[in-house]
Amino acid sequence: MKFGKSICVLNVGGTRYAFTRDVIRDFPLRRVSRLHACATEKDVLELCDDYDRERNEFFFDRHAQAFVFIMLYVRSGKLRFVPGVCELSFYAEMLYWGLESAHLDSCCQKRLDERLSEVGLSEQVADVTAGEETRSLVGEPVAVMQLTGRGKWLERARRAFEEPNSSLGAQLLATVSVVFVIVSMVMLCASTLPDWDTAKRNSVEEHRIVEAVCIGWFTAECILRFLVARDKWDFLRQPLNIIDVVAITPYYVTMTMARAGVPGAGLGVAGVFLRALRMMRVFWLMKLARHFLGLQTLGLTLRRCYREMVMLMVFVCVAMAIYSALAQLLEHGLDLGVRNQDYASIPAAAWWVIISMTTVGYGDVYPITVGGRVLGGMCVVSGIVLLALPITFIYHSFVQCYHELRLRSARYARSLSAEMLQ
């Protein structure tokens, strides 16, 4: 902030809060922290409703009581609904300040889910819109600003690639991308068939053309998305973009070596490595997450529930270590006249434990002693219990993510309808 005093005053609905500039810079609420980066008063007025330069006071015409509860979250890390205030209204306040439903305590999240299920999408979308900026329900801020010239064109291009439902052109682009993903997956799966080599020799030119067109499309798409990205470094760090580069590279390396006269069979270890990288193309199926709500919901749920997933893995690993050691002892280690070779080691017994805890039970490994069978029954029952413990949290998060993504989809559908009418 290049103007004003060292003390900043936030006036929210008539209630004032005073903070230093350093606190404003690191403030947990995104709308407040963005004030520090403002260079002019015009930039400030894009974030708040009014500004008093003499007092260095920023006025927000928002619900004062709701902001009190939001400030309690900033200080204590706990966010709950305001008594007597509509859940959807408070949710709109949260979105305005840059918070998501995931920040709510679990009891309030359940209330919000029930409330969202009761009302129609049109009402929800109306409540989501707040001020000049709407917080994207998957965590990305969607700024509604007046862009001109090159900036406006870049923003439209970026949204065309990142938000398939944002316009008719974006939908057409998404459809073409899905077609190429499907064609590429079909080619990849067909290449593992026993008769593929014979079919390829009979129509080698057609196969090369199809593969070249698919790789060319993915290369062009990746380059264009990089050019229009807001943050190039953040673009390079995203897992899906890394997969794109890794999956595309082997094709160009193979073509370069072929032109240089180096046969594929002579690559040795390098050839095996390139073939392994080529199989990374299967992860292109994750591109479909941009176009299908179900896959988006799954990805967002896994991102938000990583603590519960880690907890689940810890439960399983601890139980696996205990049961595999006991199974190896009962089936092989005690030497009571019967030695089950399937349990000759603890790692070998761990395979039986994991398929028993998940109730898969292939039947390839099973206990033959009385003690081992009793242990197997305990292993199955405890596996059911351990797997069920975190499921409630994960299911709740899944429902919440689904509601949020439906809201975003409805918002884009409404803007697309307005574009078609115009």
Protein backbone atom coordinates (compact mmCIF):
# COMPACT_ATOMS: atom_id res chain seq x y z
CA MET A 1 0.00 0.00 0.00
CA LYS A 2 1.65 3.20 -1.20
CA PHE A 3 -0.65 5.68 0.53
CA GLY A 4 -2.44 6.29 3.80
CA LYS A 5 -1.25 5.92 7.38
CA SER A 6 0.47 3.00 9.07
CA ILE A 7 -2.77 2.15 10.91
CA CYS A 8 -5.64 0.88 8.75
CA VAL A 9 -9.22 0.99 9.97
CA LEU A 10 -11.80 -1.50 8.67
CA ASN A 11 -15.36 -0.25 9.02
CA VAL A 12 -17.76 -3.14 8.50
CA GLY A 13 -21.38 -2.09 8.78
CA GLY A 14 -20.49 0.61 11.35
CA THR A 15 -18.14 -1.51 13.49
CA ARG A 16 -14.50 -0.42 13.30
CA TYR A 17 -11.37 -2.58 13.55
CA ALA A 18 -7.85 -1.10 13.58
CA PHE A 19 -4.83 -3.01 12.23
CA THR A 20 -1.29 -2.21 11.17
CA ARG A 21 -0.23 -2.52 7.56
CA ASP A 22 1.77 -5.69 8.28
CA VAL A 23 -1.32 -7.34 9.76
CA ILE A 24 -3.38 -6.30 6.74
CA ARG A 25 -0.77 -7.83 4.42
CA ASP A 26 -0.95 -11.25 6.10
CA PHE A 27 -4.66 -11.14 6.96
CA PRO A 28 -6.41 -14.54 6.60
CA LEU A 29 -9.34 -12.98 4.71
CA ARG A 30 -8.36 -12.58 1.08
CA ARG A 31 -10.45 -9.46 0.42
CA VAL A 32 -8.72 -7.68 3.31
CA SER A 33 -5.19 -8.86 2.50
CA ARG A 34 -5.55 -7.62 -1.08
CA LEU A 35 -5.84 -4.07 0.22
CA HIS A 36 -2.11 -4.11 0.94
CA ALA A 37 -1.30 -4.59 -2.74
CA CYS A 38 -3.45 -1.64 -3.88
CA ALA A 39 -1.39 1.16 -5.41
CA THR A 40 -4.16 3.74 -5.90
CA GLU A 41 -7.45 4.66 -4.30
CA LYS A 42 -9.19 3.37 -7.42
CA ASP A 43 -7.81 -0.09 -6.71
CA VAL A 44 -9.06 0.18 -3.13
CA LEU A 45 -12.57 1.05 -4.23
CA GLU A 46 -12.69 -2.16 -6.26
CA LEU A 47 -12.42 -4.07 -2.98
CA CYS A 48 -14.46 -1.93 -0.57
CA ASP A 49 -17.49 0.36 -0.79
CA ASP A 50 -15.84 3.60 0.36
CA TYR A 51 -12.49 4.95 1.52
CA ASP A 52 -11.64 7.86 3.84
CA ARG A 53 -8.09 8.95 3.03
CA GLU A 54 -7.80 11.26 6.05
CA ARG A 55 -8.58 8.46 8.52
CA ASN A 56 -7.21 5.69 6.29
CA GLU A 57 -10.56 3.97 6.84
CA PHE A 58 -11.97 1.32 4.53
CA PHE A 59 -15.76 0.97 4.60
CA PHE A 60 -17.53 -2.29 3.76
CA ASP A 61 -21.31 -2.24 3.56
CA ARG A 62 -21.70 -5.74 4.92
CA HIS A 63 -23.37 -7.53 7.85
CA ALA A 64 -21.56 -6.32 10.99
CA GLN A 65 -22.65 -9.20 13.21
CA ALA A 66 -21.63 -11.79 10.64
CA PHE A 67 -18.18 -10.19 10.42
CA VAL A 68 -17.85 -10.49 14.21
CA PHE A 69 -18.16 -14.26 13.88
CA ILE A 70 -15.75 -14.25 10.95
CA MET A 71 -13.25 -12.34 13.09
CA LEU A 72 -13.65 -14.99 15.79
CA TYR A 73 -12.60 -17.51 13.17
CA VAL A 74 -9.55 -15.38 12.31
CA ARG A 75 -8.52 -15.33 15.97
CA SER A 76 -9.47 -18.82 17.14
CA GLY A 77 -9.76 -20.89 13.96
CA LYS A 78 -13.41 -21.81 14.61
CA LEU A 79 -16.21 -20.62 12.33
CA ARG A 80 -19.87 -21.07 13.21
CA PHE A 81 -23.16 -19.63 12.01
CA VAL A 82 -24.54 -16.47 13.57
CA PRO A 83 -27.61 -17.30 15.71
CA GLY A 84 -30.77 -15.99 14.09
CA VAL A 85 -29.13 -15.34 10.70
CA CYS A 86 -30.04 -17.36 7.61
CA GLU A 87 -27.37 -19.93 6.79
CA LEU A 88 -27.33 -18.92 3.13
CA SER A 89 -26.93 -15.25 4.00
CA PHE A 90 -23.99 -16.00 6.25
CA TYR A 91 -22.58 -18.25 3.53
CA ALA A 92 -22.74 -15.29 1.13
CA GLU A 93 -20.81 -13.20 3.67
CA MET A 94 -18.18 -15.93 3.90
CA LEU A 95 -17.76 -16.00 0.13
CA TYR A 96 -17.49 -12.21 0.02
CA TRP A 97 -14.59 -12.19 2.48
CA GLY A 98 -12.86 -15.12 0.78
CA LEU A 99 -13.85 -18.08 2.95
CA GLU A 100 -15.30 -21.40 1.81
CA SER A 101 -17.80 -23.77 3.36
CA ALA A 102 -14.92 -26.06 4.31
CA HIS A 103 -13.88 -23.47 6.93
CA LEU A 104 -17.10 -24.07 8.89
CA ASP A 105 -17.19 -26.41 11.85
CA SER A 106 -18.58 -29.86 11.05
CA CYS A 107 -21.95 -29.21 12.74
CA CYS A 108 -22.49 -26.02 10.74
CA GLN A 109 -21.36 -27.71 7.53
CA LYS A 110 -24.13 -30.26 8.01
CA ARG A 111 -26.68 -27.46 8.51
CA LEU A 112 -25.47 -25.74 5.36
CA ASP A 113 -25.73 -28.98 3.35
CA GLU A 114 -29.29 -29.50 4.52
CA ARG A 115 -30.17 -25.88 3.71
CA LEU A 116 -28.65 -26.08 0.23
CA SER A 117 -30.63 -29.26 -0.41
CA GLU A 118 -33.87 -27.55 0.56
CA VAL A 119 -33.62 -24.52 -1.74
CA GLY A 120 -33.39 -24.25 -5.51
CA LEU A 121 -30.19 -23.54 -7.43
CA SER A 122 -31.50 -20.13 -8.56
CA GLU A 123 -31.71 -18.92 -4.97
CA GLN A 124 -28.28 -20.32 -4.16
CA VAL A 125 -26.67 -18.60 -7.10
CA ALA A 126 -28.29 -15.31 -6.13
CA ASP A 127 -26.84 -15.62 -2.63
CA VAL A 128 -23.38 -16.56 -3.86
CA THR A 129 -22.83 -13.32 -5.82
CA ALA A 130 -21.27 -10.75 -3.48
CA GLY A 131 -19.82 -7.39 -4.56
CA GLU A 132 -17.42 -6.96 -7.44
CA GLU A 133 -15.65 -10.24 -6.83
CA THR A 134 -17.07 -13.72 -6.44
CA ARG A 135 -15.03 -16.37 -4.73
CA SER A 136 -14.79 -19.42 -6.95
CA LEU A 137 -16.21 -22.47 -5.21
CA VAL A 138 -13.17 -24.56 -6.02
CA GLY A 139 -10.85 -22.09 -4.39
CA GLU A 140 -9.89 -19.79 -7.28
CA PRO A 141 -10.99 -16.15 -7.14
CA VAL A 142 -12.97 -15.09 -10.18
CA ALA A 143 -12.44 -11.35 -10.60
CA VAL A 144 -15.06 -9.37 -12.45
CA MET A 145 -13.08 -6.40 -13.71
CA GLN A 146 -12.98 -4.19 -16.72
CA LEU A 147 -10.14 -5.38 -18.93
CA THR A 148 -9.20 -3.84 -22.22
CA GLY A 149 -7.03 -4.74 -25.15
CA ARG A 150 -4.53 -7.54 -24.73
CA GLY A 151 -5.45 -8.21 -21.09
CA LYS A 152 -9.10 -8.78 -21.98
CA TRP A 153 -8.16 -11.15 -24.78
CA LEU A 154 -5.80 -13.14 -22.54
CA GLU A 155 -8.42 -13.45 -19.82
CA ARG A 156 -11.00 -14.75 -22.31
CA ALA A 157 -8.49 -17.23 -23.71
CA ARG A 158 -7.53 -18.41 -20.24
CA ARG A 159 -11.17 -18.95 -19.26
CA ALA A 160 -11.80 -20.78 -22.54
CA PHE A 161 -9.14 -23.34 -21.60
CA GLU A 162 -9.71 -23.51 -17.84
CA GLU A 163 -13.50 -23.13 -17.65
CA PRO A 164 -15.22 -25.24 -20.35
CA ASN A 165 -18.68 -23.89 -19.48
CA SER A 166 -17.74 -20.21 -19.59
CA SER A 167 -18.69 -19.65 -23.26
CA LEU A 168 -19.75 -21.37 -26.47
CA GLY A 169 -16.17 -21.30 -27.77
CA ALA A 170 -14.94 -22.90 -24.54
CA GLN A 171 -17.53 -25.67 -24.87
CA LEU A 172 -16.46 -26.36 -28.46
CA LEU A 173 -12.81 -26.43 -27.40
CA ALA A 174 -13.63 -28.79 -24.54
CA THR A 175 -15.52 -31.12 -26.88
CA VAL A 176 -12.58 -31.34 -29.28
CA SER A 177 -10.22 -31.97 -26.37
CA VAL A 178 -12.40 -34.79 -25.04
CA VAL A 179 -12.48 -36.41 -28.50
CA PHE A 180 -8.69 -36.34 -28.74
CA VAL A 181 -8.34 -37.76 -25.22
CA ILE A 182 -10.65 -40.65 -26.10
CA VAL A 183 -8.88 -41.34 -29.41
CA SER A 184 -5.50 -41.28 -27.66
CA MET A 185 -6.70 -43.69 -24.97
CA VAL A 186 -8.13 -46.07 -27.57
CA MET A 187 -4.81 -46.05 -29.44
CA LEU A 188 -2.88 -46.63 -26.22
CA CYS A 189 -5.08 -49.57 -25.19
CA ALA A 190 -5.02 -51.08 -28.70
CA SER A 191 -1.21 -50.90 -28.79
CA THR A 192 -1.06 -53.56 -26.05
CA LEU A 193 -3.12 -56.11 -28.03
CA PRO A 194 -1.22 -59.18 -29.37
CA ASP A 195 -2.25 -58.45 -32.97
CA TRP A 196 -1.35 -54.76 -32.81
CA ASP A 197 2.11 -55.11 -34.37
CA THR A 198 0.70 -56.95 -37.39
CA ALA A 199 -2.07 -54.39 -37.85
CA LYS A 200 0.42 -51.56 -37.48
CA ARG A 201 2.70 -52.98 -40.17
CA ASN A 202 -0.24 -53.23 -42.57
CA SER A 203 -1.32 -49.61 -42.02
CA VAL A 204 1.75 -47.92 -40.59
CA GLU A 205 1.05 -44.57 -42.24
CA GLU A 206 -2.47 -44.28 -40.81
CA HIS A 207 -1.27 -45.06 -37.29
CA ARG A 208 1.50 -42.48 -37.52
CA ILE A 209 -0.90 -39.82 -38.74
CA VAL A 210 -3.41 -40.46 -35.94
CA GLU A 211 -0.68 -40.43 -33.28
CA ALA A 212 0.93 -37.30 -34.70
CA VAL A 213 -2.39 -35.44 -34.80
CA CYS A 214 -3.20 -36.37 -31.20
CA ILE A 215 0.24 -35.41 -29.92
CA GLY A 216 0.14 -32.20 -31.96
CA TRP A 217 -3.18 -31.21 -30.42
CA PHE A 218 -2.01 -31.88 -26.86
CA THR A 219 1.24 -30.01 -27.51
CA ALA A 220 -0.56 -26.98 -28.92
CA GLU A 221 -3.07 -27.02 -26.07
CA CYS A 222 -0.32 -27.20 -23.45
CA ILE A 223 1.67 -24.35 -25.03
CA LEU A 224 -1.38 -22.10 -25.40
CA ARG A 225 -2.49 -22.72 -21.82
CA PHE A 226 1.01 -21.83 -20.67
CA LEU A 227 1.04 -18.61 -22.69
CA VAL A 228 -2.30 -17.37 -21.34
CA ALA A 229 -1.73 -18.48 -17.74
CA ARG A 230 -1.71 -15.72 -15.14
CA ASP A 231 1.19 -17.23 -13.18
CA LYS A 232 3.63 -19.19 -15.35
CA TRP A 233 5.49 -20.71 -12.40
CA ASP A 234 2.26 -21.86 -10.77
CA PHE A 235 1.22 -23.39 -14.11
CA LEU A 236 4.44 -25.43 -14.26
CA ARG A 237 3.92 -26.75 -10.74
CA GLN A 238 0.45 -28.15 -11.34
CA PRO A 239 0.43 -31.99 -11.44
CA LEU A 240 -1.74 -32.29 -14.57
CA ASN A 241 0.54 -29.97 -16.51
CA ILE A 242 3.60 -31.95 -15.44
CA ILE A 243 1.87 -35.12 -16.63
CA ASP A 244 1.17 -33.43 -19.99
CA VAL A 245 4.83 -32.60 -20.51
CA VAL A 246 6.06 -36.02 -19.36
CA ALA A 247 3.56 -37.86 -21.58
CA ILE A 248 4.29 -35.76 -24.67
CA THR A 249 8.11 -35.77 -24.43
CA PRO A 250 8.71 -39.48 -25.33
CA TYR A 251 7.06 -39.02 -28.73
CA TYR A 252 9.41 -36.19 -29.71
CA VAL A 253 12.44 -37.98 -28.27
CA THR A 254 11.58 -41.12 -30.25
CA MET A 255 11.03 -39.15 -33.46
CA THR A 256 14.33 -37.29 -32.99
CA MET A 257 16.24 -40.52 -32.49
CA ALA A 258 14.53 -42.13 -35.47
CA ARG A 259 15.58 -39.22 -37.68
CA ALA A 260 19.09 -39.52 -36.30
CA GLY A 261 19.18 -43.17 -37.37
CA VAL A 262 19.09 -44.66 -33.87
CA PRO A 263 16.80 -47.74 -33.84
CA GLY A 264 14.32 -48.13 -31.02
CA ALA A 265 15.68 -51.55 -30.07
CA GLY A 266 19.11 -50.07 -29.57
CA LEU A 267 17.99 -47.69 -26.89
CA GLY A 268 18.35 -50.32 -24.16
CA VAL A 269 17.42 -48.99 -20.75
CA ALA A 270 16.54 -45.64 -22.30
CA GLY A 271 13.98 -47.38 -24.53
CA VAL A 272 12.35 -49.04 -21.53
CA PHE A 273 12.26 -45.67 -19.77
CA LEU A 274 10.63 -44.00 -22.78
CA ARG A 275 8.01 -46.74 -23.02
CA ALA A 276 7.24 -46.28 -19.32
CA LEU A 277 6.84 -42.54 -19.82
CA ARG A 278 4.60 -43.20 -22.80
CA MET A 279 2.21 -45.04 -20.50
CA MET A 280 1.80 -41.77 -18.61
CA ARG A 281 -0.67 -40.86 -21.35
CA VAL A 282 -3.28 -42.83 -19.44
CA PHE A 283 -3.34 -39.93 -16.96
CA TRP A 284 -4.73 -37.76 -19.73
CA LEU A 285 -8.06 -39.21 -18.66
CA MET A 286 -7.77 -36.85 -15.71
CA LYS A 287 -8.24 -34.03 -18.21
CA LEU A 288 -11.87 -35.10 -18.33
CA ALA A 289 -12.21 -33.68 -14.80
CA ARG A 290 -12.45 -30.23 -16.40
CA HIS A 291 -15.60 -31.31 -18.23
CA PHE A 292 -17.42 -33.67 -15.83
CA LEU A 293 -18.85 -32.62 -12.48
CA GLY A 294 -18.37 -36.06 -10.92
CA LEU A 295 -14.61 -36.14 -11.49
CA GLN A 296 -14.29 -32.55 -10.27
CA THR A 297 -16.16 -33.49 -7.11
CA LEU A 298 -13.87 -36.46 -6.54
CA GLY A 299 -10.72 -34.41 -6.99
CA LEU A 300 -11.90 -31.57 -4.75
CA THR A 301 -13.00 -34.05 -2.07
CA LEU A 302 -9.61 -35.78 -2.06
CA ARG A 303 -7.85 -32.42 -1.80
CA ARG A 304 -9.94 -31.31 1.14
CA CYS A 305 -9.93 -34.68 2.91
CA TYR A 306 -6.23 -35.43 2.68
CA ARG A 307 -5.97 -35.44 6.50
CA GLU A 308 -8.73 -38.05 6.77
CA MET A 309 -7.11 -40.07 3.97
CA VAL A 310 -3.75 -39.98 5.75
CA MET A 311 -5.48 -41.00 8.97
CA LEU A 312 -7.11 -43.92 7.16
CA MET A 313 -3.74 -45.02 5.75
CA VAL A 314 -2.20 -44.86 9.23
CA PHE A 315 -5.00 -47.01 10.64
CA VAL A 316 -4.53 -49.61 7.92
CA CYS A 317 -0.73 -49.66 8.15
CA VAL A 318 -0.73 -50.08 11.95
CA ALA A 319 -3.29 -52.88 11.78
CA MET A 320 -1.36 -54.50 8.92
CA ALA A 321 1.87 -54.52 10.92
CA ILE A 322 0.19 -56.10 13.96
CA TYR A 323 -1.87 -58.74 12.15
CA SER A 324 0.88 -59.74 9.72
CA ALA A 325 3.32 -60.33 12.57
CA LEU A 326 0.78 -62.41 14.50
CA ALA A 327 -0.25 -64.35 11.37
CA GLN A 328 3.37 -65.21 10.53
CA LEU A 329 3.89 -66.41 14.10
CA LEU A 330 0.74 -68.57 14.26
CA GLU A 331 1.00 -70.05 10.76
CA HIS A 332 4.75 -70.50 10.38
CA GLY A 333 6.82 -69.32 13.31
CA LEU A 334 5.67 -71.57 16.17
CA ASP A 335 6.64 -74.83 14.41
CA LEU A 336 3.74 -76.86 15.82
CA GLY A 337 3.99 -79.52 13.13
CA VAL A 338 2.28 -77.44 10.42
CA ARG A 339 4.14 -74.75 8.51
CA ASN A 340 2.11 -72.67 6.10
CA GLN A 341 4.59 -71.51 3.46
CA ASP A 342 2.27 -68.69 2.40
CA TYR A 343 3.13 -67.01 5.71
CA ALA A 344 6.87 -67.63 5.62
CA SER A 345 7.60 -63.95 6.25
CA ILE A 346 5.83 -60.90 7.66
CA PRO A 347 5.78 -59.11 4.27
CA ALA A 348 4.15 -62.20 2.73
CA ALA A 349 1.56 -62.24 5.52
CA ALA A 350 0.91 -58.54 4.98
CA TRP A 351 -0.66 -59.35 1.59
CA TRP A 352 -3.18 -61.66 3.28
CA VAL A 353 -3.89 -59.00 5.91
CA ILE A 354 -4.66 -56.21 3.43
CA ILE A 355 -7.00 -58.31 1.26
CA SER A 356 -8.75 -59.54 4.41
CA MET A 357 -9.15 -56.09 5.97
CA THR A 358 -10.65 -54.74 2.76
CA THR A 359 -12.90 -57.86 2.59
CA VAL A 360 -11.57 -58.71 -0.90
CA GLY A 361 -10.38 -62.20 0.06
CA TYR A 362 -8.96 -63.64 -3.17
CA GLY A 363 -8.49 -67.04 -1.56
CA ASP A 364 -4.93 -67.39 -2.88
CA VAL A 365 -3.61 -67.16 0.70
CA TYR A 366 -5.53 -68.42 3.73
CA PRO A 367 -4.74 -69.69 7.27
CA ILE A 368 -4.90 -73.38 8.07
CA THR A 369 -4.37 -73.38 11.85
CA VAL A 370 -7.12 -72.74 14.36
CA GLY A 371 -5.30 -69.73 15.77
CA GLY A 372 -4.75 -68.33 12.30
CA ARG A 373 -8.44 -68.63 11.42
CA VAL A 374 -9.50 -66.90 14.64
CA LEU A 375 -7.00 -64.14 13.84
CA GLY A 376 -8.41 -63.92 10.32
CA GLY A 377 -11.91 -63.33 11.66
CA MET A 378 -10.64 -60.57 13.94
CA CYS A 379 -8.73 -59.07 11.02
CA VAL A 380 -11.85 -58.89 8.83
CA VAL A 381 -14.04 -57.36 11.54
CA SER A 382 -11.43 -54.79 12.58
CA GLY A 383 -10.85 -53.91 8.93
CA ILE A 384 -14.53 -53.08 8.47
CA VAL A 385 -14.51 -50.89 11.59
CA LEU A 386 -11.27 -49.07 10.73
CA LEU A 387 -12.35 -48.33 7.16
CA ALA A 388 -15.75 -47.06 8.33
CA LEU A 389 -14.40 -44.58 10.89
CA PRO A 390 -13.26 -41.77 8.50
CA ILE A 391 -15.98 -42.46 5.91
CA THR A 392 -18.44 -40.06 7.58
CA PHE A 393 -16.06 -37.12 7.23
CA ILE A 394 -15.19 -38.00 3.64
CA TYR A 395 -18.85 -38.44 2.67
CA HIS A 396 -19.78 -35.13 4.26
CA SER A 397 -17.01 -33.35 2.36
CA PHE A 398 -18.07 -35.06 -0.87
CA VAL A 399 -21.65 -33.80 -0.50
CA GLN A 400 -20.40 -30.30 0.24
CA CYS A 401 -18.04 -30.26 -2.74
CA TYR A 402 -20.83 -31.50 -5.00
CA HIS A 403 -23.14 -28.67 -3.89
CA GLU A 404 -20.43 -26.05 -4.40
CA LEU A 405 -19.54 -27.27 -7.88
CA ARG A 406 -23.21 -27.36 -8.85
CA LEU A 407 -23.45 -23.71 -7.81
CA ARG A 408 -20.50 -22.81 -9.98
CA SER A 409 -21.88 -24.80 -12.91
CA ALA A 410 -25.25 -23.06 -12.56
CA ARG A 411 -23.55 -19.66 -12.50
CA TYR A 412 -21.67 -20.37 -15.71
CA ALA A 413 -24.81 -21.79 -17.32
CA ARG A 414 -26.66 -18.57 -16.50
CA SER A 415 -23.87 -16.40 -17.96
CA LEU A 416 -23.76 -18.63 -21.05
CA SER A 417 -27.52 -18.25 -21.55
CA ALA A 418 -27.15 -14.48 -21.29
CA GLU A 419 -24.37 -14.60 -23.91
CA MET A 420 -26.56 -16.61 -26.28
CA LEU A 421 -29.45 -14.17 -25.86
CA GLN A 422 -27.22 -11.24 -26.66
